[in-house]
Amino acid sequence: MLENHMPKEKQKPVHEVRLGHIKAALWKNDTETGVRYNTTFSRIYKDGEEWKSTESFGRDDLLLLAKVADQVHSWICEQSQEPARNEGRSARS
């Protein structure tokens, strides 16, 4: 029996936060205990005419990285409150 070797679609982040040249991508993971979010951080820069990214941060990037991380944390916390808000609405209907 032949297996179908169609390439998988590349998973896209469920949310992104960007301030200046610092970017965070949020990835949704469904687990047995519920939804979990993972985050990857990157710094984008231009090398000649080409845009590139790195996971390396210098001293001058750290404050902006912290601000992006704070926004990511807030977004994740909001997502965990959404099911509770929706349950409350349906109970009142």
PDB file of N, CA and C in Angstrom:
ATOM      1  N   MET A   1       0.839  -1.180   0.000  1.00  0.00           N
ATOM      2  CA  MET A   1       0.000   0.000   0.000  1.00  0.00           C
ATOM      3  C   MET A   1       0.888   1.249   0.000  1.00  0.00           C
ATOM      4  N   LEU A   2       0.615   2.181  -0.890  1.00  0.00           N
ATOM      5  CA  LEU A   2       1.384   3.411  -0.970  1.00  0.00           C
ATOM      6  C   LEU A   2       0.799   4.465  -0.055  1.00  0.00           C
ATOM      7  N   GLU A   3       1.676   5.163   0.632  1.00  0.00           N
ATOM      8  CA  GLU A   3       1.237   6.242   1.501  1.00  0.00           C
ATOM      9  C   GLU A   3       1.234   7.542   0.723  1.00  0.00           C
ATOM     10  N   ASN A   4       0.356   8.424   1.091  1.00  0.00           N
ATOM     11  CA  ASN A   4       0.297   9.727   0.454  1.00  0.00           C
ATOM     12  C   ASN A   4       1.354  10.618   1.092  1.00  0.00           C
ATOM     13  N   HIS A   5       2.331  11.040   0.321  1.00  0.00           N
ATOM     14  CA  HIS A   5       3.421  11.859   0.838  1.00  0.00           C
ATOM     15  C   HIS A   5       3.248  13.325   0.467  1.00  0.00           C
ATOM     16  N   MET A   6       2.036  13.811   0.617  1.00  0.00           N
ATOM     17  CA  MET A   6       1.788  15.222   0.345  1.00  0.00           C
ATOM     18  C   MET A   6       2.492  16.047   1.410  1.00  0.00           C
ATOM     19  N   PRO A   7       3.142  17.129   1.018  1.00  0.00           N
ATOM     20  CA  PRO A   7       3.811  17.955   2.025  1.00  0.00           C
ATOM     21  C   PRO A   7       2.791  18.593   2.957  1.00  0.00           C
ATOM     22  N   LYS A   8       3.121  18.595   4.239  1.00  0.00           N
ATOM     23  CA  LYS A   8       2.253  19.222   5.225  1.00  0.00           C
ATOM     24  C   LYS A   8       2.320  20.734   5.059  1.00  0.00           C
ATOM     25  N   GLU A   9       1.175  21.384   5.285  1.00  0.00           N
ATOM     26  CA  GLU A   9       1.196  22.839   5.267  1.00  0.00           C
ATOM     27  C   GLU A   9       2.000  23.319   6.461  1.00  0.00           C
ATOM     28  N   LYS A  10       2.775  24.344   6.240  1.00  0.00           N
ATOM     29  CA  LYS A  10       3.569  24.902   7.317  1.00  0.00           C
ATOM     30  C   LYS A  10       2.634  25.556   8.328  1.00  0.00           C
ATOM     31  N   GLN A  11       2.785  25.161   9.581  1.00  0.00           N
ATOM     32  CA  GLN A  11       1.946  25.724  10.633  1.00  0.00           C
ATOM     33  C   GLN A  11       2.252  27.209  10.795  1.00  0.00           C
ATOM     34  N   LYS A  12       1.214  27.997  10.944  1.00  0.00           N
ATOM     35  CA  LYS A  12       1.382  29.434  11.127  1.00  0.00           C
ATOM     36  C   LYS A  12       1.073  29.789  12.575  1.00  0.00           C
ATOM     37  N   PRO A  13       1.709  30.841  13.072  1.00  0.00           N
ATOM     38  CA  PRO A  13       1.407  31.258  14.443  1.00  0.00           C
ATOM     39  C   PRO A  13      -0.038  31.733  14.549  1.00  0.00           C
ATOM     40  N   VAL A  14      -0.624  31.581  15.737  1.00  0.00           N
ATOM     41  CA  VAL A  14      -1.999  32.036  15.955  1.00  0.00           C
ATOM     42  C   VAL A  14      -2.040  33.534  16.250  1.00  0.00           C
ATOM     43  N   HIS A  15      -0.888  34.097  16.615  1.00  0.00           N
ATOM     44  CA  HIS A  15      -0.827  35.527  16.919  1.00  0.00           C
ATOM     45  C   HIS A  15       0.625  35.979  16.835  1.00  0.00           C
ATOM     46  N   GLU A  16       0.820  37.237  16.484  1.00  0.00           N
ATOM     47  CA  GLU A  16       2.171  37.807  16.476  1.00  0.00           C
ATOM     48  C   GLU A  16       2.139  39.165  17.156  1.00  0.00           C
ATOM     49  N   VAL A  17       3.224  39.481  17.837  1.00  0.00           N
ATOM     50  CA  VAL A  17       3.409  40.795  18.454  1.00  0.00           C
ATOM     51  C   VAL A  17       4.718  41.338  17.915  1.00  0.00           C
ATOM     52  N   ARG A  18       4.693  42.592  17.486  1.00  0.00           N
ATOM     53  CA  ARG A  18       5.925  43.196  16.979  1.00  0.00           C
ATOM     54  C   ARG A  18       6.028  44.633  17.470  1.00  0.00           C
ATOM     55  N   LEU A  19       7.174  44.945  18.016  1.00  0.00           N
ATOM     56  CA  LEU A  19       7.532  46.313  18.385  1.00  0.00           C
ATOM     57  C   LEU A  19       8.886  46.588  17.760  1.00  0.00           C
ATOM     58  N   GLY A  20       8.921  47.544  16.856  1.00  0.00           N
ATOM     59  CA  GLY A  20      10.188  47.841  16.191  1.00  0.00           C
ATOM     60  C   GLY A  20      10.705  46.620  15.469  1.00  0.00           C
ATOM     61  N   HIS A  21      11.921  46.230  15.764  1.00  0.00           N
ATOM     62  CA  HIS A  21      12.540  45.091  15.084  1.00  0.00           C
ATOM     63  C   HIS A  21      12.487  43.795  15.898  1.00  0.00           C
ATOM     64  N   ILE A  22      11.719  43.804  17.014  1.00  0.00           N
ATOM     65  CA  ILE A  22      11.570  42.602  17.836  1.00  0.00           C
ATOM     66  C   ILE A  22      10.183  42.021  17.589  1.00  0.00           C
ATOM     67  N   LYS A  23      10.137  40.712  17.357  1.00  0.00           N
ATOM     68  CA  LYS A  23       8.880  40.054  17.024  1.00  0.00           C
ATOM     69  C   LYS A  23       8.717  38.780  17.842  1.00  0.00           C
ATOM     70  N   ALA A  24       7.474  38.516  18.246  1.00  0.00           N
ATOM     71  CA  ALA A  24       7.128  37.264  18.919  1.00  0.00           C
ATOM     72  C   ALA A  24       6.056  36.564  18.100  1.00  0.00           C
ATOM     73  N   ALA A  25       6.183  35.266  17.952  1.00  0.00           N
ATOM     74  CA  ALA A  25       5.169  34.445  17.300  1.00  0.00           C
ATOM     75  C   ALA A  25       4.618  33.488  18.343  1.00  0.00           C
ATOM     76  N   LEU A  26       3.295  33.394  18.418  1.00  0.00           N
ATOM     77  CA  LEU A  26       2.642  32.516  19.388  1.00  0.00           C
ATOM     78  C   LEU A  26       2.065  31.310  18.677  1.00  0.00           C
ATOM     79  N   TRP A  27       2.324  30.152  19.244  1.00  0.00           N
ATOM     80  CA  TRP A  27       1.927  28.879  18.657  1.00  0.00           C
ATOM     81  C   TRP A  27       0.966  28.180  19.603  1.00  0.00           C
ATOM     82  N   LYS A  28      -0.156  27.726  19.081  1.00  0.00           N
ATOM     83  CA  LYS A  28      -1.172  27.038  19.882  1.00  0.00           C
ATOM     84  C   LYS A  28      -0.896  25.537  19.869  1.00  0.00           C
ATOM     85  N   ASN A  29      -0.922  24.941  21.043  1.00  0.00           N
ATOM     86  CA  ASN A  29      -0.734  23.497  21.178  1.00  0.00           C
ATOM     87  C   ASN A  29      -1.893  22.937  21.986  1.00  0.00           C
ATOM     88  N   ASP A  30      -2.681  22.057  21.366  1.00  0.00           N
ATOM     89  CA  ASP A  30      -3.763  21.386  22.078  1.00  0.00           C
ATOM     90  C   ASP A  30      -3.175  20.196  22.820  1.00  0.00           C
ATOM     91  N   THR A  31      -3.385  20.161  24.128  1.00  0.00           N
ATOM     92  CA  THR A  31      -2.870  19.063  24.950  1.00  0.00           C
ATOM     93  C   THR A  31      -4.021  18.373  25.653  1.00  0.00           C
ATOM     94  N   GLU A  32      -3.728  17.282  26.324  1.00  0.00           N
ATOM     95  CA  GLU A  32      -4.766  16.556  27.076  1.00  0.00           C
ATOM     96  C   GLU A  32      -5.352  17.409  28.192  1.00  0.00           C
ATOM     97  N   THR A  33      -4.566  18.350  28.699  1.00  0.00           N
ATOM     98  CA  THR A  33      -5.034  19.189  29.806  1.00  0.00           C
ATOM     99  C   THR A  33      -5.556  20.544  29.335  1.00  0.00           C
ATOM    100  N   GLY A  34      -5.632  20.737  28.029  1.00  0.00           N
ATOM    101  CA  GLY A  34      -6.135  21.994  27.495  1.00  0.00           C
ATOM    102  C   GLY A  34      -5.133  22.650  26.573  1.00  0.00           C
ATOM    103  N   VAL A  35      -5.457  23.858  26.171  1.00  0.00           N
ATOM    104  CA  VAL A  35      -4.610  24.592  25.228  1.00  0.00           C
ATOM    105  C   VAL A  35      -3.410  25.187  25.952  1.00  0.00           C
ATOM    106  N   ARG A  36      -2.255  25.069  25.326  1.00  0.00           N
ATOM    107  CA  ARG A  36      -1.015  25.696  25.798  1.00  0.00           C
ATOM    108  C   ARG A  36      -0.471  26.537  24.658  1.00  0.00           C
ATOM    109  N   TYR A  37       0.172  27.638  25.002  1.00  0.00           N
ATOM    110  CA  TYR A  37       0.787  28.489  23.999  1.00  0.00           C
ATOM    111  C   TYR A  37       2.292  28.524  24.213  1.00  0.00           C
ATOM    112  N   ASN A  38       3.034  28.406  23.130  1.00  0.00           N
ATOM    113  CA  ASN A  38       4.483  28.575  23.144  1.00  0.00           C
ATOM    114  C   ASN A  38       4.820  29.818  22.331  1.00  0.00           C
ATOM    115  N   THR A  39       5.938  30.411  22.651  1.00  0.00           N
ATOM    116  CA  THR A  39       6.329  31.646  21.995  1.00  0.00           C
ATOM    117  C   THR A  39       7.761  31.559  21.499  1.00  0.00           C
ATOM    118  N   THR A  40       7.982  32.063  20.296  1.00  0.00           N
ATOM    119  CA  THR A  40       9.332  32.225  19.786  1.00  0.00           C
ATOM    120  C   THR A  40       9.569  33.713  19.561  1.00  0.00           C
ATOM    121  N   PHE A  41      10.762  34.160  19.896  1.00  0.00           N
ATOM    122  CA  PHE A  41      11.131  35.564  19.747  1.00  0.00           C
ATOM    123  C   PHE A  41      12.217  35.679  18.689  1.00  0.00           C
ATOM    124  N   SER A  42      12.169  36.754  17.931  1.00  0.00           N
ATOM    125  CA  SER A  42      13.205  36.983  16.933  1.00  0.00           C
ATOM    126  C   SER A  42      13.442  38.485  16.757  1.00  0.00           C
ATOM    127  N   ARG A  43      14.600  38.770  16.217  1.00  0.00           N
ATOM    128  CA  ARG A  43      14.956  40.150  15.880  1.00  0.00           C
ATOM    129  C   ARG A  43      15.153  40.185  14.381  1.00  0.00           C
ATOM    130  N   ILE A  44      14.450  41.094  13.707  1.00  0.00           N
ATOM    131  CA  ILE A  44      14.601  41.195  12.264  1.00  0.00           C
ATOM    132  C   ILE A  44      15.580  42.322  11.937  1.00  0.00           C
ATOM    133  N   TYR A  45      16.324  42.116  10.881  1.00  0.00           N
ATOM    134  CA  TYR A  45      17.308  43.113  10.460  1.00  0.00           C
ATOM    135  C   TYR A  45      17.506  43.002   8.954  1.00  0.00           C
ATOM    136  N   LYS A  46      18.057  44.046   8.382  1.00  0.00           N
ATOM    137  CA  LYS A  46      18.292  44.078   6.947  1.00  0.00           C
ATOM    138  C   LYS A  46      19.785  43.899   6.687  1.00  0.00           C
ATOM    139  N   ASP A  47      20.094  42.945   5.826  1.00  0.00           N
ATOM    140  CA  ASP A  47      21.473  42.671   5.403  1.00  0.00           C
ATOM    141  C   ASP A  47      21.551  43.030   3.930  1.00  0.00           C
ATOM    142  N   GLY A  48      22.016  44.234   3.642  1.00  0.00           N
ATOM    143  CA  GLY A  48      21.982  44.724   2.265  1.00  0.00           C
ATOM    144  C   GLY A  48      20.542  44.997   1.879  1.00  0.00           C
ATOM    145  N   GLU A  49      20.046  44.307   0.873  1.00  0.00           N
ATOM    146  CA  GLU A  49      18.653  44.455   0.434  1.00  0.00           C
ATOM    147  C   GLU A  49      17.751  43.350   0.981  1.00  0.00           C
ATOM    148  N   GLU A  50      18.328  42.409   1.709  1.00  0.00           N
ATOM    149  CA  GLU A  50      17.590  41.232   2.163  1.00  0.00           C
ATOM    150  C   GLU A  50      17.245  41.329   3.653  1.00  0.00           C
ATOM    151  N   TRP A  51      15.967  41.032   3.973  1.00  0.00           N
ATOM    152  CA  TRP A  51      15.549  40.980   5.379  1.00  0.00           C
ATOM    153  C   TRP A  51      15.875  39.604   5.942  1.00  0.00           C
ATOM    154  N   LYS A  52      16.434  39.593   7.142  1.00  0.00           N
ATOM    155  CA  LYS A  52      16.787  38.345   7.827  1.00  0.00           C
ATOM    156  C   LYS A  52      16.283  38.411   9.261  1.00  0.00           C
ATOM    157  N   SER A  53      16.348  37.282   9.942  1.00  0.00           N
ATOM    158  CA  SER A  53      15.970  37.266  11.360  1.00  0.00           C
ATOM    159  C   SER A  53      16.970  36.421  12.140  1.00  0.00           C
ATOM    160  N   THR A  54      17.045  36.721  13.429  1.00  0.00           N
ATOM    161  CA  THR A  54      17.938  35.994  14.324  1.00  0.00           C
ATOM    162  C   THR A  54      17.259  35.854  15.680  1.00  0.00           C
ATOM    163  N   GLU A  55      17.680  34.891  16.439  1.00  0.00           N
ATOM    164  CA  GLU A  55      17.189  34.703  17.804  1.00  0.00           C
ATOM    165  C   GLU A  55      18.200  35.236  18.809  1.00  0.00           C
ATOM    166  N   SER A  56      19.138  36.029  18.341  1.00  0.00           N
ATOM    167  CA  SER A  56      20.167  36.625  19.175  1.00  0.00           C
ATOM    168  C   SER A  56      19.816  38.086  19.445  1.00  0.00           C
ATOM    169  N   PHE A  57      19.982  38.514  20.692  1.00  0.00           N
ATOM    170  CA  PHE A  57      19.604  39.869  21.094  1.00  0.00           C
ATOM    171  C   PHE A  57      20.772  40.550  21.788  1.00  0.00           C
ATOM    172  N   GLY A  58      20.986  41.792  21.441  1.00  0.00           N
ATOM    173  CA  GLY A  58      22.031  42.579  22.072  1.00  0.00           C
ATOM    174  C   GLY A  58      21.476  43.406  23.227  1.00  0.00           C
ATOM    175  N   ARG A  59      22.353  44.095  23.921  1.00  0.00           N
ATOM    176  CA  ARG A  59      21.979  44.919  25.062  1.00  0.00           C
ATOM    177  C   ARG A  59      20.851  45.879  24.715  1.00  0.00           C
ATOM    178  N   ASP A  60      20.938  46.534  23.576  1.00  0.00           N
ATOM    179  CA  ASP A  60      19.949  47.539  23.201  1.00  0.00           C
ATOM    180  C   ASP A  60      18.606  46.929  22.797  1.00  0.00           C
ATOM    181  N   ASP A  61      18.542  45.618  22.618  1.00  0.00           N
ATOM    182  CA  ASP A  61      17.296  44.939  22.261  1.00  0.00           C
ATOM    183  C   ASP A  61      16.496  44.493  23.482  1.00  0.00           C
ATOM    184  N   LEU A  62      17.140  44.402  24.635  1.00  0.00           N
ATOM    185  CA  LEU A  62      16.535  43.706  25.770  1.00  0.00           C
ATOM    186  C   LEU A  62      15.302  44.388  26.336  1.00  0.00           C
ATOM    187  N   LEU A  63      15.282  45.696  26.411  1.00  0.00           N
ATOM    188  CA  LEU A  63      14.102  46.378  26.938  1.00  0.00           C
ATOM    189  C   LEU A  63      12.909  46.172  26.008  1.00  0.00           C
ATOM    190  N   LEU A  64      13.133  46.280  24.715  1.00  0.00           N
ATOM    191  CA  LEU A  64      12.061  46.046  23.745  1.00  0.00           C
ATOM    192  C   LEU A  64      11.607  44.586  23.783  1.00  0.00           C
ATOM    193  N   LEU A  65      12.541  43.672  23.943  1.00  0.00           N
ATOM    194  CA  LEU A  65      12.204  42.256  24.071  1.00  0.00           C
ATOM    195  C   LEU A  65      11.310  42.029  25.289  1.00  0.00           C
ATOM    196  N   ALA A  66      11.631  42.692  26.398  1.00  0.00           N
ATOM    197  CA  ALA A  66      10.816  42.565  27.612  1.00  0.00           C
ATOM    198  C   ALA A  66       9.406  43.116  27.379  1.00  0.00           C
ATOM    199  N   LYS A  67       9.296  44.225  26.667  1.00  0.00           N
ATOM    200  CA  LYS A  67       7.981  44.804  26.381  1.00  0.00           C
ATOM    201  C   LYS A  67       7.160  43.869  25.486  1.00  0.00           C
ATOM    202  N   VAL A  68       7.792  43.266  24.497  1.00  0.00           N
ATOM    203  CA  VAL A  68       7.093  42.302  23.641  1.00  0.00           C
ATOM    204  C   VAL A  68       6.661  41.099  24.474  1.00  0.00           C
ATOM    205  N   ALA A  69       7.538  40.600  25.334  1.00  0.00           N
ATOM    206  CA  ALA A  69       7.202  39.462  26.191  1.00  0.00           C
ATOM    207  C   ALA A  69       6.025  39.798  27.109  1.00  0.00           C
ATOM    208  N   ASP A  70       5.970  41.033  27.609  1.00  0.00           N
ATOM    209  CA  ASP A  70       4.857  41.460  28.455  1.00  0.00           C
ATOM    210  C   ASP A  70       3.542  41.431  27.669  1.00  0.00           C
ATOM    211  N   GLN A  71       3.563  41.922  26.428  1.00  0.00           N
ATOM    212  CA  GLN A  71       2.354  41.894  25.604  1.00  0.00           C
ATOM    213  C   GLN A  71       1.927  40.468  25.274  1.00  0.00           C
ATOM    214  N   VAL A  72       2.891  39.598  25.026  1.00  0.00           N
ATOM    215  CA  VAL A  72       2.599  38.190  24.770  1.00  0.00           C
ATOM    216  C   VAL A  72       1.934  37.568  25.993  1.00  0.00           C
ATOM    217  N   HIS A  73       2.478  37.835  27.168  1.00  0.00           N
ATOM    218  CA  HIS A  73       1.921  37.302  28.401  1.00  0.00           C
ATOM    219  C   HIS A  73       0.472  37.765  28.576  1.00  0.00           C
ATOM    220  N   SER A  74       0.220  39.033  28.332  1.00  0.00           N
ATOM    221  CA  SER A  74      -1.143  39.568  28.449  1.00  0.00           C
ATOM    222  C   SER A  74      -2.087  38.883  27.473  1.00  0.00           C
ATOM    223  N   TRP A  75      -1.643  38.680  26.236  1.00  0.00           N
ATOM    224  CA  TRP A  75      -2.486  38.036  25.231  1.00  0.00           C
ATOM    225  C   TRP A  75      -2.823  36.604  25.640  1.00  0.00           C
ATOM    226  N   ILE A  76      -1.832  35.871  26.134  1.00  0.00           N
ATOM    227  CA  ILE A  76      -2.078  34.491  26.557  1.00  0.00           C
ATOM    228  C   ILE A  76      -3.059  34.462  27.725  1.00  0.00           C
ATOM    229  N   CYS A  77      -2.899  35.369  28.670  1.00  0.00           N
ATOM    230  CA  CYS A  77      -3.828  35.427  29.808  1.00  0.00           C
ATOM    231  C   CYS A  77      -5.248  35.727  29.341  1.00  0.00           C
ATOM    232  N   GLU A  78      -5.399  36.615  28.369  1.00  0.00           N
ATOM    233  CA  GLU A  78      -6.722  36.922  27.824  1.00  0.00           C
ATOM    234  C   GLU A  78      -7.344  35.689  27.177  1.00  0.00           C
ATOM    235  N   GLN A  79      -6.547  34.897  26.491  1.00  0.00           N
ATOM    236  CA  GLN A  79      -7.070  33.704  25.832  1.00  0.00           C
ATOM    237  C   GLN A  79      -7.597  32.701  26.848  1.00  0.00           C
ATOM    238  N   SER A  80      -6.930  32.577  27.974  1.00  0.00           N
ATOM    239  CA  SER A  80      -7.381  31.615  28.982  1.00  0.00           C
ATOM    240  C   SER A  80      -8.654  32.089  29.665  1.00  0.00           C
ATOM    241  N   GLN A  81      -8.971  33.379  29.595  1.00  0.00           N
ATOM    242  CA  GLN A  81     -10.199  33.902  30.185  1.00  0.00           C
ATOM    243  C   GLN A  81     -11.374  33.832  29.218  1.00  0.00           C
ATOM    244  N   GLU A  82     -11.127  33.710  27.919  1.00  0.00           N
ATOM    245  CA  GLU A  82     -12.190  33.674  26.914  1.00  0.00           C
ATOM    246  C   GLU A  82     -13.203  32.555  27.161  1.00  0.00           C
ATOM    247  N   PRO A  83     -12.783  31.295  27.389  1.00  0.00           N
ATOM    248  CA  PRO A  83     -13.778  30.242  27.610  1.00  0.00           C
ATOM    249  C   PRO A  83     -14.677  30.544  28.813  1.00  0.00           C
ATOM    250  N   ALA A  84     -14.107  31.101  29.878  1.00  0.00           N
ATOM    251  CA  ALA A  84     -14.908  31.425  31.062  1.00  0.00           C
ATOM    252  C   ALA A  84     -15.933  32.510  30.735  1.00  0.00           C
ATOM    253  N   ARG A  85     -15.542  33.520  29.968  1.00  0.00           N
ATOM    254  CA  ARG A  85     -16.471  34.576  29.569  1.00  0.00           C
ATOM    255  C   ARG A  85     -17.581  34.019  28.691  1.00  0.00           C
ATOM    256  N   ASN A  86     -17.235  33.154  27.752  1.00  0.00           N
ATOM    257  CA  ASN A  86     -18.234  32.579  26.855  1.00  0.00           C
ATOM    258  C   ASN A  86     -19.203  31.677  27.600  1.00  0.00           C
ATOM    259  N   GLU A  87     -18.723  30.931  28.604  1.00  0.00           N
ATOM    260  CA  GLU A  87     -19.604  30.087  29.395  1.00  0.00           C
ATOM    261  C   GLU A  87     -20.598  30.930  30.170  1.00  0.00           C
ATOM    262  N   GLY A  88     -20.146  32.057  30.706  1.00  0.00           N
ATOM    263  CA  GLY A  88     -21.022  32.955  31.448  1.00  0.00           C
ATOM    264  C   GLY A  88     -22.110  33.541  30.556  1.00  0.00           C
ATOM    265  N   ARG A  89     -21.788  33.853  29.336  1.00  0.00           N
ATOM    266  CA  ARG A  89     -22.771  34.401  28.385  1.00  0.00           C
ATOM    267  C   ARG A  89     -23.835  33.372  28.048  1.00  0.00           C
ATOM    268  N   SER A  90     -23.434  32.126  27.800  1.00  0.00           N
ATOM    269  CA  SER A  90     -24.407  31.114  27.414  1.00  0.00           C
ATOM    270  C   SER A  90     -25.302  30.750  28.594  1.00  0.00           C
ATOM    271  N   ALA A  91     -24.798  30.879  29.817  1.00  0.00           N
ATOM    272  CA  ALA A  91     -25.616  30.572  30.999  1.00  0.00           C
ATOM    273  C   ALA A  91     -26.703  31.628  31.181  1.00  0.00           C
ATOM    274  N   ARG A  92     -26.416  32.872  30.789  1.00  0.00           N
ATOM    275  CA  ARG A  92     -27.395  33.958  30.927  1.00  0.00           C
ATOM    276  C   ARG A  92     -28.438  33.934  29.813  1.00  0.00           C
ATOM    277  N   SER A  93     -28.142  33.280  28.705  1.00  0.00           N
ATOM    278  CA  SER A  93     -29.064  33.290  27.541  1.00  0.00           C
ATOM    279  C   SER A  93     -30.315  32.513  27.795  1.00  0.00           C
TER     280      SER A  93
END
